[in-house]
Amino acid sequence: MPDDIRRLILSHSDWESERDQLKNEQDRAEREKWLLDFKERIENYVEGISVNIPHETPRDTEYIDRRPIIY
């Protein structure tokens, strides 16, 4: 991956700018977890080395019933 593409991806995946976009706390926590994981994978990417991406289900991530958002 070219460095300019890597920098572009990292600059557009900033958690601070996305922090308040989700109202549900669980959604926000999950988004932060996956975004930071994604950024770490981009930062550590090495051409030609395959990466194991885990597949998690709600049961694996301690699923909590979401409550409706009251506007």
N, C-alpha and C. Protein backbone atom coordinates (compact mmCIF):
# COMPACT_ATOMS: atom_id res chain seq x y z
N MET A 1 0.85 -1.17 0.00
CA MET A 1 0.00 0.00 0.00
C MET A 1 0.90 1.23 0.00
N PRO A 2 0.70 2.12 -0.93
CA PRO A 2 1.52 3.34 -0.97
C PRO A 2 1.30 4.19 0.29
N ASP A 3 2.35 4.88 0.70
CA ASP A 3 2.27 5.69 1.91
C ASP A 3 1.22 6.79 1.82
N ASP A 4 1.02 7.37 0.63
CA ASP A 4 0.01 8.43 0.51
C ASP A 4 -1.39 7.87 0.73
N ILE A 5 -1.65 6.65 0.27
CA ILE A 5 -2.95 6.02 0.49
C ILE A 5 -3.12 5.69 1.97
N ARG A 6 -2.07 5.18 2.58
CA ARG A 6 -2.11 4.86 4.02
C ARG A 6 -2.42 6.12 4.83
N ARG A 7 -1.73 7.22 4.54
CA ARG A 7 -1.97 8.48 5.26
C ARG A 7 -3.38 9.00 5.03
N LEU A 8 -3.88 8.86 3.81
CA LEU A 8 -5.23 9.30 3.49
C LEU A 8 -6.27 8.51 4.29
N ILE A 9 -6.12 7.20 4.32
CA ILE A 9 -7.04 6.35 5.09
C ILE A 9 -6.99 6.72 6.57
N LEU A 10 -5.80 6.86 7.11
CA LEU A 10 -5.67 7.19 8.53
C LEU A 10 -6.22 8.57 8.86
N SER A 11 -6.06 9.52 7.96
CA SER A 11 -6.56 10.86 8.23
C SER A 11 -8.09 10.92 8.20
N HIS A 12 -8.72 9.99 7.48
CA HIS A 12 -10.18 9.97 7.39
C HIS A 12 -10.81 8.96 8.35
N SER A 13 -10.03 8.39 9.23
CA SER A 13 -10.56 7.42 10.20
C SER A 13 -10.21 7.87 11.61
N ASP A 14 -10.54 9.10 11.92
CA ASP A 14 -10.22 9.70 13.21
C ASP A 14 -11.39 9.54 14.17
N TRP A 15 -11.17 8.90 15.30
CA TRP A 15 -12.24 8.65 16.27
C TRP A 15 -12.76 9.95 16.87
N GLU A 16 -11.92 10.92 17.12
CA GLU A 16 -12.36 12.17 17.73
C GLU A 16 -13.43 12.87 16.90
N SER A 17 -13.33 12.79 15.59
CA SER A 17 -14.33 13.45 14.74
C SER A 17 -15.62 12.64 14.65
N GLU A 18 -15.58 11.36 15.01
CA GLU A 18 -16.76 10.51 14.93
C GLU A 18 -17.42 10.26 16.28
N ARG A 19 -16.77 10.68 17.34
CA ARG A 19 -17.21 10.35 18.70
C ARG A 19 -18.69 10.64 18.95
N ASP A 20 -19.19 11.77 18.52
CA ASP A 20 -20.56 12.17 18.85
C ASP A 20 -21.57 11.87 17.75
N GLN A 21 -21.20 11.10 16.75
CA GLN A 21 -22.14 10.80 15.66
C GLN A 21 -23.16 9.75 16.03
N LEU A 22 -22.85 8.88 16.98
CA LEU A 22 -23.78 7.84 17.40
C LEU A 22 -24.33 8.18 18.78
N LYS A 23 -25.65 8.07 18.94
CA LYS A 23 -26.27 8.41 20.21
C LYS A 23 -26.25 7.26 21.21
N ASN A 24 -26.33 6.03 20.71
CA ASN A 24 -26.37 4.87 21.58
C ASN A 24 -24.96 4.57 22.09
N GLU A 25 -24.82 4.43 23.41
CA GLU A 25 -23.51 4.20 24.02
C GLU A 25 -22.85 2.91 23.54
N GLN A 26 -23.65 1.84 23.40
CA GLN A 26 -23.07 0.57 22.95
C GLN A 26 -22.59 0.69 21.51
N ASP A 27 -23.38 1.34 20.66
CA ASP A 27 -22.96 1.55 19.28
C ASP A 27 -21.66 2.34 19.23
N ARG A 28 -21.58 3.36 20.07
CA ARG A 28 -20.39 4.21 20.11
C ARG A 28 -19.16 3.40 20.54
N ALA A 29 -19.33 2.55 21.57
CA ALA A 29 -18.21 1.73 22.05
C ALA A 29 -17.76 0.74 20.99
N GLU A 30 -18.72 0.12 20.29
CA GLU A 30 -18.37 -0.84 19.24
C GLU A 30 -17.68 -0.14 18.08
N ARG A 31 -18.18 1.03 17.70
CA ARG A 31 -17.57 1.78 16.60
C ARG A 31 -16.14 2.17 16.94
N GLU A 32 -15.93 2.62 18.17
CA GLU A 32 -14.57 3.00 18.59
C GLU A 32 -13.64 1.79 18.54
N LYS A 33 -14.12 0.66 19.06
CA LYS A 33 -13.31 -0.56 19.08
C LYS A 33 -12.88 -0.94 17.67
N TRP A 34 -13.84 -1.00 16.74
CA TRP A 34 -13.54 -1.45 15.38
C TRP A 34 -12.73 -0.42 14.60
N LEU A 35 -12.99 0.86 14.84
CA LEU A 35 -12.23 1.90 14.14
C LEU A 35 -10.76 1.89 14.58
N LEU A 36 -10.53 1.78 15.87
CA LEU A 36 -9.15 1.75 16.37
C LEU A 36 -8.43 0.49 15.90
N ASP A 37 -9.15 -0.63 15.84
CA ASP A 37 -8.57 -1.87 15.32
C ASP A 37 -8.20 -1.71 13.85
N PHE A 38 -9.09 -1.09 13.08
CA PHE A 38 -8.85 -0.85 11.65
C PHE A 38 -7.62 0.03 11.47
N LYS A 39 -7.53 1.12 12.26
CA LYS A 39 -6.38 2.01 12.15
C LYS A 39 -5.08 1.29 12.47
N GLU A 40 -5.11 0.45 13.49
CA GLU A 40 -3.90 -0.30 13.86
C GLU A 40 -3.48 -1.23 12.72
N ARG A 41 -4.44 -1.86 12.07
CA ARG A 41 -4.13 -2.77 10.96
C ARG A 41 -3.55 -2.00 9.77
N ILE A 42 -4.08 -0.81 9.50
CA ILE A 42 -3.55 0.01 8.41
C ILE A 42 -2.13 0.47 8.74
N GLU A 43 -1.91 0.91 9.98
CA GLU A 43 -0.58 1.38 10.38
C GLU A 43 0.46 0.27 10.29
N ASN A 44 0.07 -0.96 10.61
CA ASN A 44 1.02 -2.08 10.65
C ASN A 44 1.01 -2.93 9.39
N TYR A 45 0.31 -2.50 8.36
CA TYR A 45 0.18 -3.28 7.13
C TYR A 45 1.54 -3.47 6.45
N VAL A 46 1.81 -4.71 6.06
CA VAL A 46 3.02 -5.04 5.32
C VAL A 46 2.59 -5.77 4.05
N GLU A 47 3.02 -5.27 2.91
CA GLU A 47 2.66 -5.84 1.61
C GLU A 47 3.01 -7.33 1.55
N GLY A 48 2.04 -8.14 1.13
CA GLY A 48 2.28 -9.56 0.92
C GLY A 48 2.08 -10.45 2.13
N ILE A 49 1.83 -9.87 3.30
CA ILE A 49 1.59 -10.68 4.50
C ILE A 49 0.10 -10.69 4.78
N SER A 50 -0.50 -11.90 4.80
CA SER A 50 -1.93 -11.99 5.04
C SER A 50 -2.22 -11.70 6.52
N VAL A 51 -3.41 -11.16 6.75
CA VAL A 51 -3.82 -10.77 8.08
C VAL A 51 -5.07 -11.54 8.47
N ASN A 52 -5.09 -12.08 9.67
CA ASN A 52 -6.26 -12.78 10.17
C ASN A 52 -7.21 -11.76 10.78
N ILE A 53 -8.38 -11.61 10.18
CA ILE A 53 -9.38 -10.68 10.70
C ILE A 53 -10.43 -11.51 11.43
N PRO A 54 -10.56 -11.31 12.74
CA PRO A 54 -11.51 -12.12 13.51
C PRO A 54 -12.95 -11.78 13.15
N HIS A 55 -13.79 -12.78 13.23
CA HIS A 55 -15.22 -12.57 13.01
C HIS A 55 -15.90 -12.73 14.35
N GLU A 56 -16.51 -11.68 14.83
CA GLU A 56 -17.19 -11.73 16.12
C GLU A 56 -18.68 -11.56 15.92
N THR A 57 -19.44 -12.21 16.75
CA THR A 57 -20.89 -12.07 16.74
C THR A 57 -21.29 -11.27 17.97
N PRO A 58 -22.53 -10.78 18.02
CA PRO A 58 -22.96 -10.05 19.21
C PRO A 58 -22.74 -10.84 20.50
N ARG A 59 -22.89 -12.16 20.45
CA ARG A 59 -22.69 -12.97 21.65
C ARG A 59 -21.23 -12.88 22.11
N ASP A 60 -20.31 -12.80 21.16
CA ASP A 60 -18.89 -12.71 21.49
C ASP A 60 -18.51 -11.37 22.10
N THR A 61 -19.28 -10.35 21.79
CA THR A 61 -18.95 -8.99 22.24
C THR A 61 -19.84 -8.54 23.39
N GLU A 62 -20.39 -9.49 24.14
CA GLU A 62 -21.25 -9.18 25.28
C GLU A 62 -22.42 -8.31 24.86
N TYR A 63 -23.24 -8.84 23.98
CA TYR A 63 -24.39 -8.11 23.44
C TYR A 63 -25.32 -7.65 24.55
N ILE A 64 -25.71 -6.40 24.48
CA ILE A 64 -26.67 -5.82 25.40
C ILE A 64 -27.83 -5.31 24.57
N ASP A 65 -29.05 -5.60 25.02
CA ASP A 65 -30.22 -5.11 24.28
C ASP A 65 -30.17 -3.60 24.20
N ARG A 66 -30.36 -3.10 23.00
CA ARG A 66 -30.34 -1.66 22.80
C ARG A 66 -31.71 -1.08 23.14
N ARG A 67 -31.70 0.08 23.73
CA ARG A 67 -32.95 0.77 24.03
C ARG A 67 -33.21 1.78 22.93
N PRO A 68 -34.49 2.06 22.65
CA PRO A 68 -34.78 3.03 21.60
C PRO A 68 -34.21 4.41 21.95
N ILE A 69 -33.81 5.11 20.93
CA ILE A 69 -33.29 6.46 21.12
C ILE A 69 -34.46 7.42 21.16
N ILE A 70 -34.52 8.22 22.19
CA ILE A 70 -35.59 9.20 22.33
C ILE A 70 -35.05 10.55 21.86
N TYR A 71 -35.68 11.08 20.85
CA TYR A 71 -35.24 12.37 20.30
C TYR A 71 -35.96 13.50 20.94
